[in-house]
């Protein structure tokens, strides 16, 4: 086995889940989603390992906030979490959800019910 593969041989799904859970529940949910939605769960290990390494540089609170925001908007990739963190979106207040209704009230705006 090449050295790059041997490095990851010691990581199991349980170990990844334990490390992600130590960062926070949103990080654990994000890693679980990454492992579940691949053809083979081991394909999601690398993305999970990237998310687990992020707190070394940015701290667990920021990574947890970035994972929470990523899950809330349906962005379930490591790249999305990394982008949220790099653009400091994890530190901004969450905006109102689109399901709360249109932000502009006008008679020409039909809304979601019109198209159903």
Protein backbone atom coordinates (compact mmCIF):
# COMPACT_ATOMS: atom_id res chain seq x y z
CA UNK A 1 0.00 0.00 0.00
CA UNK A 2 1.43 3.44 -0.88
CA UNK A 3 2.33 5.70 2.02
CA UNK A 4 -0.49 8.13 1.16
CA UNK A 5 -2.99 5.25 1.49
CA UNK A 6 -1.44 3.84 4.66
CA UNK A 7 -1.95 7.17 6.38
CA UNK A 8 -5.71 6.81 6.01
CA UNK A 9 -5.86 3.09 6.82
CA UNK A 10 -6.13 3.78 10.55
CA UNK A 11 -9.22 5.93 10.13
CA UNK A 12 -12.50 4.09 10.55
CA UNK A 13 -16.04 5.39 10.38
CA UNK A 14 -16.29 5.23 14.17
CA UNK A 15 -13.07 7.18 14.66
CA UNK A 16 -14.12 9.86 12.17
CA UNK A 17 -17.53 10.18 13.84
CA UNK A 18 -15.90 10.45 17.28
CA UNK A 19 -13.49 13.19 16.12
CA UNK A 20 -16.25 15.10 14.32
CA UNK A 21 -18.54 14.83 17.36
CA UNK A 22 -15.77 16.31 19.53
CA UNK A 23 -15.91 19.44 17.33
CA UNK A 24 -19.69 19.67 17.48
CA UNK A 25 -23.01 18.12 16.42
CA UNK A 26 -23.24 19.97 13.09
CA UNK A 27 -19.76 18.77 12.13
CA UNK A 28 -20.73 15.22 13.04
CA UNK A 29 -23.92 15.50 10.95
CA UNK A 30 -21.96 16.94 8.03
CA UNK A 31 -19.41 14.10 8.12
CA UNK A 32 -22.16 11.50 8.44
CA UNK A 33 -23.87 12.97 5.38
CA UNK A 34 -20.62 12.89 3.42
CA UNK A 35 -20.06 9.21 4.24
CA UNK A 36 -23.70 8.18 3.59
CA UNK A 37 -24.10 9.81 0.20
CA UNK A 38 -21.11 8.32 -1.58
CA UNK A 39 -21.14 5.09 -3.58
CA UNK A 40 -18.73 3.71 -1.02
CA UNK A 41 -18.49 5.27 2.47
CA UNK A 42 -14.68 5.32 2.35
CA UNK A 43 -14.91 7.87 -0.48
CA UNK A 44 -16.23 10.41 2.02
CA UNK A 45 -13.38 9.83 4.48
CA UNK A 46 -11.04 12.32 2.83
CA UNK A 47 -13.61 15.12 2.96
CA UNK A 48 -14.37 14.25 6.58
CA UNK A 49 -10.69 14.30 7.45
CA UNK A 50 -10.44 17.76 5.90
CA UNK A 51 -13.32 18.99 8.06
CA UNK A 52 -11.71 17.44 11.14
CA UNK A 53 -8.41 19.23 10.40
CA UNK A 54 -10.00 22.69 10.01
CA UNK A 55 -10.21 23.46 13.78
CA UNK A 56 -6.41 23.37 14.02
CA UNK A 57 -6.27 26.63 12.09
CA UNK A 58 -9.65 28.28 12.68
CA UNK A 59 -10.92 26.86 15.94
CA UNK A 60 -13.74 24.45 16.64
CA UNK A 61 -16.40 27.16 17.09
CA UNK A 62 -15.90 28.61 13.60
CA UNK A 63 -15.83 25.19 11.97
CA UNK A 64 -18.98 24.16 13.82
CA UNK A 65 -20.72 27.40 12.76
CA UNK A 66 -19.63 26.85 9.14
CA UNK A 67 -20.94 23.26 9.19
CA UNK A 68 -24.21 24.43 10.72
CA UNK A 69 -24.67 27.05 8.01
CA UNK A 70 -23.73 24.57 5.27
CA UNK A 71 -26.31 22.08 6.51
CA UNK A 72 -29.00 24.78 6.73
CA UNK A 73 -28.53 25.81 3.09
CA UNK A 74 -28.11 22.27 1.75
CA UNK A 75 -24.42 22.58 0.89
CA UNK A 76 -23.15 19.18 1.94
CA UNK A 77 -19.55 19.21 0.73
CA UNK A 78 -16.21 19.92 2.36
CA UNK A 79 -15.58 22.61 -0.26
CA UNK A 80 -18.77 24.40 0.79
CA UNK A 81 -17.78 24.34 4.46
CA UNK A 82 -14.31 25.59 3.58
CA UNK A 83 -15.74 28.38 1.42
CA UNK A 84 -18.16 29.47 4.15
CA UNK A 85 -15.29 29.67 6.59
CA UNK A 86 -12.95 31.48 4.17
CA UNK A 87 -15.57 34.12 3.36
CA UNK A 88 -16.43 34.50 7.05
CA UNK A 89 -20.08 33.65 6.46
CA UNK A 90 -19.99 31.62 9.66
CA UNK A 91 -19.61 34.87 11.59
CA UNK A 92 -22.56 36.63 9.95
CA UNK A 93 -26.07 36.40 11.36
CA UNK A 94 -28.35 33.97 9.57
CA UNK A 95 -30.80 35.52 7.14
CA UNK A 96 -34.52 34.81 7.16
CA UNK A 97 -35.46 31.65 5.35
CA UNK A 98 -37.14 31.99 1.97
CA UNK A 99 -40.02 29.86 3.25
CA UNK A 100 -41.12 32.72 5.50
CA UNK A 101 -42.64 34.45 2.48
CA UNK A 102 -41.57 37.09 0.03
CA UNK A 103 -39.59 39.98 1.42
CA UNK A 104 -41.35 42.38 -1.00
CA UNK A 105 -45.10 42.76 -0.83
CA UNK A 106 -46.59 43.83 -4.11
CA UNK A 107 -49.72 42.76 -6.06
CA UNK A 108 -47.60 41.55 -9.02
CA UNK A 109 -45.66 39.06 -6.92
CA UNK A 110 -47.61 35.82 -7.08
CA UNK A 111 -45.65 33.70 -4.65
CA UNK A 112 -45.07 29.97 -4.46
CA UNK A 113 -48.74 28.91 -4.32
CA UNK A 114 -49.46 30.38 -7.76
CA UNK A 115 -47.23 27.84 -9.50
CA UNK A 116 -48.47 24.71 -7.73
